[in-house]
Amino acid sequence: MKFICSIALALGILIQPASSTADYVMQGIGLISCGMLAEGYRQNPKVIDGAMMDWAQGFMSGANASLTNGQYRDLAALSLDAQKASLRNYCDEHPMAEFGKAVLDLYGKLPLKQDTPPSR
């Protein structure tokens, strides 16, 4: 029964209602407060940890793909464990902040690289 309650809590945190009157730059768990994610993490760390990293990696990959100046952030510069630690540290220090801000903080820490055109 405890397992079912943990899954229900995790899903409740991950499913955000969409408002038709608001415009969002982000959607999904990026809009959930770090404090709420921390509570979900205490209940079911594997589910919340996986969802946080999936969302973070997807957001940062999308941010890289949207750059048109030949620059990108090196997503492999930090190990996944180091990225997780960065997200958790940010959220521990800013429990009222949206998780998306923790991801933006991590993204800004990654080194900026320049695409080099293939040699001919």
C-alpha atoms as a PDB file:
ATOM      1  CA  MET A   1       0.000   0.000   0.000  1.00  0.00           C
ATOM      2  CA  LYS A   2       2.863   2.368   0.827  1.00  0.00           C
ATOM      3  CA  PHE A   3       4.328   1.730  -2.639  1.00  0.00           C
ATOM      4  CA  ILE A   4       1.023   2.625  -4.321  1.00  0.00           C
ATOM      5  CA  CYS A   5       0.770   5.825  -2.265  1.00  0.00           C
ATOM      6  CA  SER A   6       4.340   6.742  -3.242  1.00  0.00           C
ATOM      7  CA  ILE A   7       3.573   6.256  -6.933  1.00  0.00           C
ATOM      8  CA  ALA A   8       0.369   8.291  -6.616  1.00  0.00           C
ATOM      9  CA  LEU A   9       2.267  11.134  -4.923  1.00  0.00           C
ATOM     10  CA  ALA A  10       4.992  11.061  -7.566  1.00  0.00           C
ATOM     11  CA  LEU A  11       2.469  11.145 -10.396  1.00  0.00           C
ATOM     12  CA  GLY A  12       0.561  13.935  -8.689  1.00  0.00           C
ATOM     13  CA  ILE A  13       3.711  16.022  -8.567  1.00  0.00           C
ATOM     14  CA  LEU A  14       4.631  15.280 -12.167  1.00  0.00           C
ATOM     15  CA  ILE A  15       1.230  16.021 -13.688  1.00  0.00           C
ATOM     16  CA  GLN A  16       0.658  19.754 -13.857  1.00  0.00           C
ATOM     17  CA  PRO A  17      -2.644  21.178 -15.031  1.00  0.00           C
ATOM     18  CA  ALA A  18      -2.321  23.515 -17.990  1.00  0.00           C
ATOM     19  CA  SER A  19      -4.065  26.853 -17.861  1.00  0.00           C
ATOM     20  CA  SER A  20      -5.503  28.056 -21.134  1.00  0.00           C
ATOM     21  CA  THR A  21      -5.131  31.720 -20.112  1.00  0.00           C
ATOM     22  CA  ALA A  22      -1.405  31.665 -19.350  1.00  0.00           C
ATOM     23  CA  ASP A  23       1.618  31.592 -21.610  1.00  0.00           C
ATOM     24  CA  TYR A  24       4.563  29.468 -20.503  1.00  0.00           C
ATOM     25  CA  VAL A  25       8.149  29.340 -21.619  1.00  0.00           C
ATOM     26  CA  MET A  26       8.375  25.948 -19.917  1.00  0.00           C
ATOM     27  CA  GLN A  27       5.981  23.107 -19.229  1.00  0.00           C
ATOM     28  CA  GLY A  28       6.115  19.958 -17.134  1.00  0.00           C
ATOM     29  CA  ILE A  29       8.118  19.531 -13.967  1.00  0.00           C
ATOM     30  CA  GLY A  30      10.182  22.613 -14.755  1.00  0.00           C
ATOM     31  CA  LEU A  31       7.289  24.594 -13.245  1.00  0.00           C
ATOM     32  CA  ILE A  32       7.169  22.590 -10.004  1.00  0.00           C
ATOM     33  CA  SER A  33       8.889  24.104  -6.984  1.00  0.00           C
ATOM     34  CA  CYS A  34      12.098  22.546  -5.786  1.00  0.00           C
ATOM     35  CA  GLY A  35      10.459  22.020  -2.389  1.00  0.00           C
ATOM     36  CA  MET A  36       7.634  19.961  -3.886  1.00  0.00           C
ATOM     37  CA  LEU A  37      10.114  17.856  -5.832  1.00  0.00           C
ATOM     38  CA  ALA A  38      12.151  17.332  -2.660  1.00  0.00           C
ATOM     39  CA  GLU A  39       9.029  16.037  -0.916  1.00  0.00           C
ATOM     40  CA  GLY A  40       8.333  13.683  -3.808  1.00  0.00           C
ATOM     41  CA  TYR A  41      11.975  12.591  -3.787  1.00  0.00           C
ATOM     42  CA  ARG A  42      11.700  11.604  -0.115  1.00  0.00           C
ATOM     43  CA  GLN A  43       8.677   9.465  -0.987  1.00  0.00           C
ATOM     44  CA  ASN A  44      10.023   7.860  -4.163  1.00  0.00           C
ATOM     45  CA  PRO A  45      13.582   8.855  -5.067  1.00  0.00           C
ATOM     46  CA  LYS A  46      13.956   6.685  -8.183  1.00  0.00           C
ATOM     47  CA  VAL A  47      10.859   8.018  -9.918  1.00  0.00           C
ATOM     48  CA  ILE A  48      11.492  11.676  -9.079  1.00  0.00           C
ATOM     49  CA  ASP A  49      15.233  11.468  -9.776  1.00  0.00           C
ATOM     50  CA  GLY A  50      14.578   9.905 -13.181  1.00  0.00           C
ATOM     51  CA  ALA A  51      11.891  12.434 -14.064  1.00  0.00           C
ATOM     52  CA  MET A  52      14.082  15.348 -12.989  1.00  0.00           C
ATOM     53  CA  MET A  53      17.032  14.183 -15.073  1.00  0.00           C
ATOM     54  CA  ASP A  54      14.884  13.308 -18.078  1.00  0.00           C
ATOM     55  CA  TRP A  55      13.322  16.771 -18.038  1.00  0.00           C
ATOM     56  CA  ALA A  56      16.651  18.527 -17.411  1.00  0.00           C
ATOM     57  CA  GLN A  57      18.456  16.665 -20.200  1.00  0.00           C
ATOM     58  CA  GLY A  58      15.603  17.276 -22.617  1.00  0.00           C
ATOM     59  CA  PHE A  59      15.414  20.969 -21.771  1.00  0.00           C
ATOM     60  CA  MET A  60      19.169  21.490 -22.096  1.00  0.00           C
ATOM     61  CA  SER A  61      19.280  19.499 -25.349  1.00  0.00           C
ATOM     62  CA  GLY A  62      16.466  21.645 -26.719  1.00  0.00           C
ATOM     63  CA  ALA A  63      18.248  24.801 -25.623  1.00  0.00           C
ATOM     64  CA  ASN A  64      21.380  23.640 -27.458  1.00  0.00           C
ATOM     65  CA  ALA A  65      19.385  22.750 -30.574  1.00  0.00           C
ATOM     66  CA  SER A  66      17.785  26.192 -30.639  1.00  0.00           C
ATOM     67  CA  LEU A  67      21.113  28.027 -30.779  1.00  0.00           C
ATOM     68  CA  THR A  68      21.820  29.283 -34.271  1.00  0.00           C
ATOM     69  CA  ASN A  69      25.213  30.906 -33.756  1.00  0.00           C
ATOM     70  CA  GLY A  70      27.234  27.677 -33.872  1.00  0.00           C
ATOM     71  CA  GLN A  71      27.672  27.639 -30.108  1.00  0.00           C
ATOM     72  CA  TYR A  72      26.369  25.092 -27.638  1.00  0.00           C
ATOM     73  CA  ARG A  73      26.825  23.999 -24.036  1.00  0.00           C
ATOM     74  CA  ASP A  74      28.786  20.764 -23.585  1.00  0.00           C
ATOM     75  CA  LEU A  75      26.240  18.531 -21.829  1.00  0.00           C
ATOM     76  CA  ALA A  76      28.907  15.866 -21.267  1.00  0.00           C
ATOM     77  CA  ALA A  77      31.283  18.232 -19.446  1.00  0.00           C
ATOM     78  CA  LEU A  78      29.818  17.094 -16.119  1.00  0.00           C
ATOM     79  CA  SER A  79      28.947  13.524 -15.278  1.00  0.00           C
ATOM     80  CA  LEU A  80      25.265  12.720 -14.718  1.00  0.00           C
ATOM     81  CA  ASP A  81      26.019  12.338 -11.006  1.00  0.00           C
ATOM     82  CA  ALA A  82      27.588  15.815 -10.938  1.00  0.00           C
ATOM     83  CA  GLN A  83      24.581  17.220 -12.815  1.00  0.00           C
ATOM     84  CA  LYS A  84      22.201  15.590 -10.324  1.00  0.00           C
ATOM     85  CA  ALA A  85      24.237  17.032  -7.442  1.00  0.00           C
ATOM     86  CA  SER A  86      24.091  20.512  -8.993  1.00  0.00           C
ATOM     87  CA  LEU A  87      20.306  20.302  -9.353  1.00  0.00           C
ATOM     88  CA  ARG A  88      19.842  19.032  -5.793  1.00  0.00           C
ATOM     89  CA  ASN A  89      22.171  21.685  -4.350  1.00  0.00           C
ATOM     90  CA  TYR A  90      20.323  24.457  -6.160  1.00  0.00           C
ATOM     91  CA  CYS A  91      16.978  23.132  -4.986  1.00  0.00           C
ATOM     92  CA  ASP A  92      18.210  22.740  -1.401  1.00  0.00           C
ATOM     93  CA  GLU A  93      19.271  26.393  -1.435  1.00  0.00           C
ATOM     94  CA  HIS A  94      16.121  27.619  -3.258  1.00  0.00           C
ATOM     95  CA  PRO A  95      13.143  25.452  -2.198  1.00  0.00           C
ATOM     96  CA  MET A  96      10.595  27.977  -3.495  1.00  0.00           C
ATOM     97  CA  ALA A  97      12.229  28.259  -6.933  1.00  0.00           C
ATOM     98  CA  GLU A  98      10.814  26.429  -9.920  1.00  0.00           C
ATOM     99  CA  PHE A  99      12.858  23.387 -10.902  1.00  0.00           C
ATOM    100  CA  GLY A 100      13.432  24.972 -14.321  1.00  0.00           C
ATOM    101  CA  LYS A 101      15.591  27.605 -12.623  1.00  0.00           C
ATOM    102  CA  ALA A 102      17.806  24.853 -11.202  1.00  0.00           C
ATOM    103  CA  VAL A 103      18.182  23.473 -14.726  1.00  0.00           C
ATOM    104  CA  LEU A 104      19.016  26.917 -16.124  1.00  0.00           C
ATOM    105  CA  ASP A 105      21.618  27.319 -13.376  1.00  0.00           C
ATOM    106  CA  LEU A 106      23.183  23.971 -14.313  1.00  0.00           C
ATOM    107  CA  TYR A 107      23.056  24.815 -18.028  1.00  0.00           C
ATOM    108  CA  GLY A 108      24.901  28.066 -17.373  1.00  0.00           C
ATOM    109  CA  LYS A 109      27.693  26.180 -15.583  1.00  0.00           C
ATOM    110  CA  LEU A 110      28.434  23.995 -18.599  1.00  0.00           C
ATOM    111  CA  PRO A 111      31.241  25.172 -20.873  1.00  0.00           C
ATOM    112  CA  LEU A 112      30.299  26.988 -24.033  1.00  0.00           C
ATOM    113  CA  LYS A 113      31.670  25.361 -27.177  1.00  0.00           C
ATOM    114  CA  GLN A 114      31.860  26.442 -30.789  1.00  0.00           C
ATOM    115  CA  ASP A 115      30.789  24.132 -33.579  1.00  0.00           C
ATOM    116  CA  THR A 116      33.648  23.601 -35.973  1.00  0.00           C
ATOM    117  CA  PRO A 117      32.675  23.036 -39.581  1.00  0.00           C
ATOM    118  CA  PRO A 118      33.826  19.715 -41.022  1.00  0.00           C
ATOM    119  CA  SER A 119      37.119  19.927 -42.891  1.00  0.00           C
ATOM    120  CA  ARG A 120      36.928  19.609 -46.654  1.00  0.00           C
END
